[in-house]
Amino acid sequence: MNKTLFVYYKIETAQHASWVQRVRDFQLQLLERHPLLEIELMQRPASTDGLETWMEIYRHPDGISELLTQAIQSLALEMGLPSKRASEVFVPLI
């Protein structure tokens, strides 16, 4: 069954531009290591609390394995992305 990985976290709105670049650099490294990986980066509409919620979405033709999930999380930590990253896997509803 094809799984999709969703990773979400909060960043300070004032640091939006610097985080965008860091996440893009991270995603480029992931693509170098996993060329078939499909990646999206999304955010919730702006809120008034000074924080933004970002969502990374990952798909792969062979599905998202536990090993791939661990590789994504390890590289994120190695590259200094927010450590409070919540991950969830969803599968198609049949």
N, C-alpha and C. Protein backbone atom coordinates (compact mmCIF):
# COMPACT_ATOMS: atom_id res chain seq x y z
N MET A 1 0.84 -1.18 0.00
CA MET A 1 0.00 0.00 0.00
C MET A 1 0.89 1.24 0.00
N ASN A 2 0.55 2.22 -0.81
CA ASN A 2 1.36 3.41 -0.93
C ASN A 2 1.10 4.35 0.25
N LYS A 3 2.15 4.70 0.96
CA LYS A 3 2.04 5.57 2.12
C LYS A 3 2.56 6.96 1.79
N THR A 4 1.99 7.95 2.44
CA THR A 4 2.46 9.33 2.34
C THR A 4 2.85 9.79 3.73
N LEU A 5 4.02 10.42 3.84
CA LEU A 5 4.51 10.91 5.12
C LEU A 5 4.26 12.40 5.22
N PHE A 6 3.67 12.81 6.34
CA PHE A 6 3.42 14.22 6.63
C PHE A 6 4.24 14.58 7.87
N VAL A 7 5.03 15.63 7.76
CA VAL A 7 5.85 16.10 8.88
C VAL A 7 5.49 17.57 9.11
N TYR A 8 5.10 17.90 10.33
CA TYR A 8 4.72 19.29 10.58
C TYR A 8 5.37 19.82 11.84
N TYR A 9 5.55 21.15 11.86
CA TYR A 9 6.24 21.83 12.95
C TYR A 9 5.93 23.31 12.87
N LYS A 10 6.31 24.04 13.90
CA LYS A 10 6.08 25.49 13.95
C LYS A 10 7.41 26.23 13.88
N ILE A 11 7.37 27.39 13.23
CA ILE A 11 8.52 28.29 13.20
C ILE A 11 8.02 29.70 13.51
N GLU A 12 8.93 30.56 13.92
CA GLU A 12 8.56 31.95 14.18
C GLU A 12 8.38 32.67 12.86
N THR A 13 7.28 33.41 12.74
CA THR A 13 6.98 34.14 11.51
C THR A 13 8.12 35.07 11.12
N ALA A 14 8.75 35.69 12.10
CA ALA A 14 9.84 36.64 11.82
C ALA A 14 11.03 35.97 11.15
N GLN A 15 11.14 34.64 11.26
CA GLN A 15 12.28 33.93 10.68
C GLN A 15 11.88 33.13 9.43
N HIS A 16 10.76 33.48 8.85
CA HIS A 16 10.23 32.76 7.69
C HIS A 16 11.28 32.60 6.58
N ALA A 17 11.88 33.69 6.15
CA ALA A 17 12.81 33.65 5.01
C ALA A 17 14.00 32.74 5.27
N SER A 18 14.58 32.82 6.45
CA SER A 18 15.75 31.98 6.73
C SER A 18 15.38 30.51 6.82
N TRP A 19 14.19 30.21 7.36
CA TRP A 19 13.75 28.81 7.43
C TRP A 19 13.43 28.24 6.07
N VAL A 20 12.86 29.06 5.19
CA VAL A 20 12.57 28.57 3.84
C VAL A 20 13.84 28.06 3.19
N GLN A 21 14.91 28.84 3.28
CA GLN A 21 16.17 28.43 2.65
C GLN A 21 16.73 27.17 3.30
N ARG A 22 16.67 27.09 4.61
CA ARG A 22 17.19 25.90 5.30
C ARG A 22 16.42 24.64 4.90
N VAL A 23 15.10 24.75 4.83
CA VAL A 23 14.28 23.60 4.46
C VAL A 23 14.53 23.22 3.00
N ARG A 24 14.66 24.20 2.13
CA ARG A 24 14.94 23.90 0.72
C ARG A 24 16.29 23.19 0.57
N ASP A 25 17.30 23.66 1.29
CA ASP A 25 18.62 22.99 1.26
C ASP A 25 18.51 21.55 1.73
N PHE A 26 17.75 21.34 2.80
CA PHE A 26 17.51 20.00 3.33
C PHE A 26 16.83 19.12 2.29
N GLN A 27 15.81 19.67 1.64
CA GLN A 27 15.07 18.89 0.65
C GLN A 27 15.93 18.56 -0.57
N LEU A 28 16.81 19.48 -0.96
CA LEU A 28 17.73 19.19 -2.08
C LEU A 28 18.66 18.03 -1.73
N GLN A 29 19.15 18.01 -0.50
CA GLN A 29 20.00 16.89 -0.08
C GLN A 29 19.22 15.58 -0.06
N LEU A 30 17.98 15.63 0.37
CA LEU A 30 17.15 14.42 0.35
C LEU A 30 16.99 13.90 -1.08
N LEU A 31 16.75 14.81 -2.02
CA LEU A 31 16.57 14.41 -3.41
C LEU A 31 17.85 13.84 -4.02
N GLU A 32 19.00 14.33 -3.59
CA GLU A 32 20.27 13.75 -4.05
C GLU A 32 20.40 12.31 -3.59
N ARG A 33 19.94 12.04 -2.38
CA ARG A 33 20.05 10.69 -1.81
C ARG A 33 18.91 9.77 -2.26
N HIS A 34 17.76 10.35 -2.55
CA HIS A 34 16.55 9.59 -2.91
C HIS A 34 15.89 10.28 -4.11
N PRO A 35 16.43 10.09 -5.31
CA PRO A 35 15.98 10.83 -6.49
C PRO A 35 14.50 10.66 -6.86
N LEU A 36 13.88 9.58 -6.47
CA LEU A 36 12.47 9.36 -6.82
C LEU A 36 11.50 9.93 -5.79
N LEU A 37 12.05 10.49 -4.73
CA LEU A 37 11.22 11.06 -3.67
C LEU A 37 10.49 12.30 -4.18
N GLU A 38 9.20 12.38 -3.92
CA GLU A 38 8.40 13.56 -4.24
C GLU A 38 8.21 14.35 -2.96
N ILE A 39 8.47 15.66 -3.02
CA ILE A 39 8.44 16.49 -1.82
C ILE A 39 7.59 17.73 -2.06
N GLU A 40 6.78 18.06 -1.07
CA GLU A 40 6.03 19.32 -1.07
C GLU A 40 6.31 20.02 0.25
N LEU A 41 6.27 21.35 0.22
CA LEU A 41 6.37 22.15 1.44
C LEU A 41 5.17 23.09 1.45
N MET A 42 4.41 23.04 2.54
CA MET A 42 3.20 23.86 2.65
C MET A 42 3.18 24.53 4.02
N GLN A 43 2.32 25.54 4.14
CA GLN A 43 2.13 26.16 5.44
C GLN A 43 0.66 26.50 5.63
N ARG A 44 0.26 26.59 6.89
CA ARG A 44 -1.09 27.06 7.18
C ARG A 44 -1.16 28.55 6.89
N PRO A 45 -2.35 29.06 6.62
CA PRO A 45 -2.48 30.51 6.48
C PRO A 45 -1.97 31.20 7.75
N ALA A 46 -1.49 32.43 7.59
CA ALA A 46 -0.90 33.18 8.70
C ALA A 46 -1.86 33.27 9.88
N SER A 47 -1.27 33.20 11.07
CA SER A 47 -2.06 33.37 12.30
C SER A 47 -1.53 34.59 13.04
N THR A 48 -2.17 34.94 14.12
CA THR A 48 -1.76 36.14 14.86
C THR A 48 -0.86 35.82 16.04
N ASP A 49 -0.46 34.57 16.22
CA ASP A 49 0.34 34.19 17.38
C ASP A 49 1.85 34.31 17.15
N GLY A 50 2.26 34.78 15.97
CA GLY A 50 3.69 34.92 15.68
C GLY A 50 4.36 33.63 15.27
N LEU A 51 3.57 32.58 15.07
CA LEU A 51 4.11 31.28 14.65
C LEU A 51 3.43 30.83 13.37
N GLU A 52 4.17 30.09 12.58
CA GLU A 52 3.63 29.48 11.37
C GLU A 52 3.74 27.97 11.50
N THR A 53 2.75 27.26 11.02
CA THR A 53 2.80 25.80 10.98
C THR A 53 3.15 25.39 9.56
N TRP A 54 4.25 24.65 9.44
CA TRP A 54 4.71 24.18 8.14
C TRP A 54 4.50 22.68 8.04
N MET A 55 4.29 22.21 6.81
CA MET A 55 4.06 20.79 6.56
C MET A 55 4.95 20.36 5.40
N GLU A 56 5.75 19.34 5.65
CA GLU A 56 6.52 18.69 4.59
C GLU A 56 5.75 17.43 4.23
N ILE A 57 5.57 17.18 2.93
CA ILE A 57 4.84 16.01 2.47
C ILE A 57 5.78 15.20 1.58
N TYR A 58 5.86 13.89 1.86
CA TYR A 58 6.77 13.01 1.13
C TYR A 58 6.01 11.83 0.54
N ARG A 59 6.28 11.58 -0.74
CA ARG A 59 5.74 10.41 -1.43
C ARG A 59 6.89 9.76 -2.21
N HIS A 60 6.77 8.48 -2.42
CA HIS A 60 7.77 7.74 -3.19
C HIS A 60 7.02 6.65 -3.97
N PRO A 61 7.43 6.38 -5.22
CA PRO A 61 6.74 5.35 -6.01
C PRO A 61 6.66 3.99 -5.30
N ASP A 62 7.66 3.68 -4.49
CA ASP A 62 7.67 2.42 -3.75
C ASP A 62 7.05 2.54 -2.37
N GLY A 63 6.49 3.71 -2.06
CA GLY A 63 5.93 3.95 -0.74
C GLY A 63 6.97 4.52 0.21
N ILE A 64 6.53 4.93 1.35
CA ILE A 64 7.42 5.49 2.37
C ILE A 64 7.66 4.41 3.41
N SER A 65 8.86 3.86 3.39
CA SER A 65 9.21 2.80 4.34
C SER A 65 9.65 3.41 5.67
N GLU A 66 9.74 2.58 6.67
CA GLU A 66 10.24 3.03 7.96
C GLU A 66 11.69 3.49 7.83
N LEU A 67 12.47 2.79 7.01
CA LEU A 67 13.86 3.17 6.79
C LEU A 67 13.96 4.55 6.14
N LEU A 68 13.12 4.84 5.16
CA LEU A 68 13.13 6.15 4.52
C LEU A 68 12.67 7.23 5.49
N THR A 69 11.66 6.93 6.29
CA THR A 69 11.20 7.88 7.30
C THR A 69 12.33 8.22 8.26
N GLN A 70 13.06 7.22 8.71
CA GLN A 70 14.19 7.46 9.61
C GLN A 70 15.28 8.29 8.94
N ALA A 71 15.54 8.03 7.65
CA ALA A 71 16.55 8.80 6.92
C ALA A 71 16.15 10.27 6.82
N ILE A 72 14.87 10.53 6.57
CA ILE A 72 14.38 11.90 6.49
C ILE A 72 14.55 12.60 7.83
N GLN A 73 14.14 11.94 8.91
CA GLN A 73 14.23 12.54 10.24
C GLN A 73 15.69 12.75 10.67
N SER A 74 16.54 11.80 10.36
CA SER A 74 17.95 11.92 10.75
C SER A 74 18.61 13.10 10.05
N LEU A 75 18.37 13.23 8.76
CA LEU A 75 18.97 14.34 8.02
C LEU A 75 18.41 15.68 8.51
N ALA A 76 17.13 15.72 8.84
CA ALA A 76 16.53 16.96 9.35
C ALA A 76 17.22 17.40 10.64
N LEU A 77 17.45 16.46 11.54
CA LEU A 77 18.13 16.79 12.78
C LEU A 77 19.58 17.20 12.53
N GLU A 78 20.24 16.48 11.64
CA GLU A 78 21.63 16.77 11.29
C GLU A 78 21.77 18.19 10.72
N MET A 79 20.77 18.63 9.97
CA MET A 79 20.83 19.94 9.32
C MET A 79 20.20 21.04 10.17
N GLY A 80 19.82 20.74 11.40
CA GLY A 80 19.34 21.76 12.32
C GLY A 80 17.91 22.23 12.12
N LEU A 81 17.09 21.40 11.46
CA LEU A 81 15.68 21.78 11.33
C LEU A 81 15.01 21.64 12.69
N PRO A 82 13.84 22.23 12.87
CA PRO A 82 13.19 22.17 14.18
C PRO A 82 13.13 20.74 14.72
N SER A 83 13.49 20.58 15.97
CA SER A 83 13.54 19.24 16.55
C SER A 83 12.15 18.74 16.95
N LYS A 84 11.21 19.64 17.14
CA LYS A 84 9.84 19.24 17.46
C LYS A 84 9.06 19.05 16.17
N ARG A 85 9.40 17.97 15.46
CA ARG A 85 8.78 17.64 14.18
C ARG A 85 7.85 16.46 14.40
N ALA A 86 6.57 16.69 14.22
CA ALA A 86 5.60 15.60 14.35
C ALA A 86 5.44 14.92 13.00
N SER A 87 5.47 13.60 13.01
CA SER A 87 5.34 12.82 11.76
C SER A 87 4.12 11.92 11.82
N GLU A 88 3.44 11.84 10.69
CA GLU A 88 2.30 10.94 10.56
C GLU A 88 2.30 10.34 9.17
N VAL A 89 1.91 9.09 9.08
CA VAL A 89 1.81 8.39 7.81
C VAL A 89 0.34 8.15 7.51
N PHE A 90 -0.06 8.44 6.28
CA PHE A 90 -1.42 8.18 5.84
C PHE A 90 -1.38 7.25 4.63
N VAL A 91 -2.42 6.48 4.47
CA VAL A 91 -2.56 5.59 3.32
C VAL A 91 -3.88 5.95 2.62
N PRO A 92 -3.99 5.61 1.33
CA PRO A 92 -5.24 5.92 0.63
C PRO A 92 -6.44 5.23 1.27
N LEU A 93 -7.52 5.93 1.32
CA LEU A 93 -8.77 5.38 1.83
C LEU A 93 -9.43 4.61 0.70
N ILE A 94 -9.73 3.35 0.97
CA ILE A 94 -10.29 2.50 -0.08
C ILE A 94 -11.78 2.39 0.08
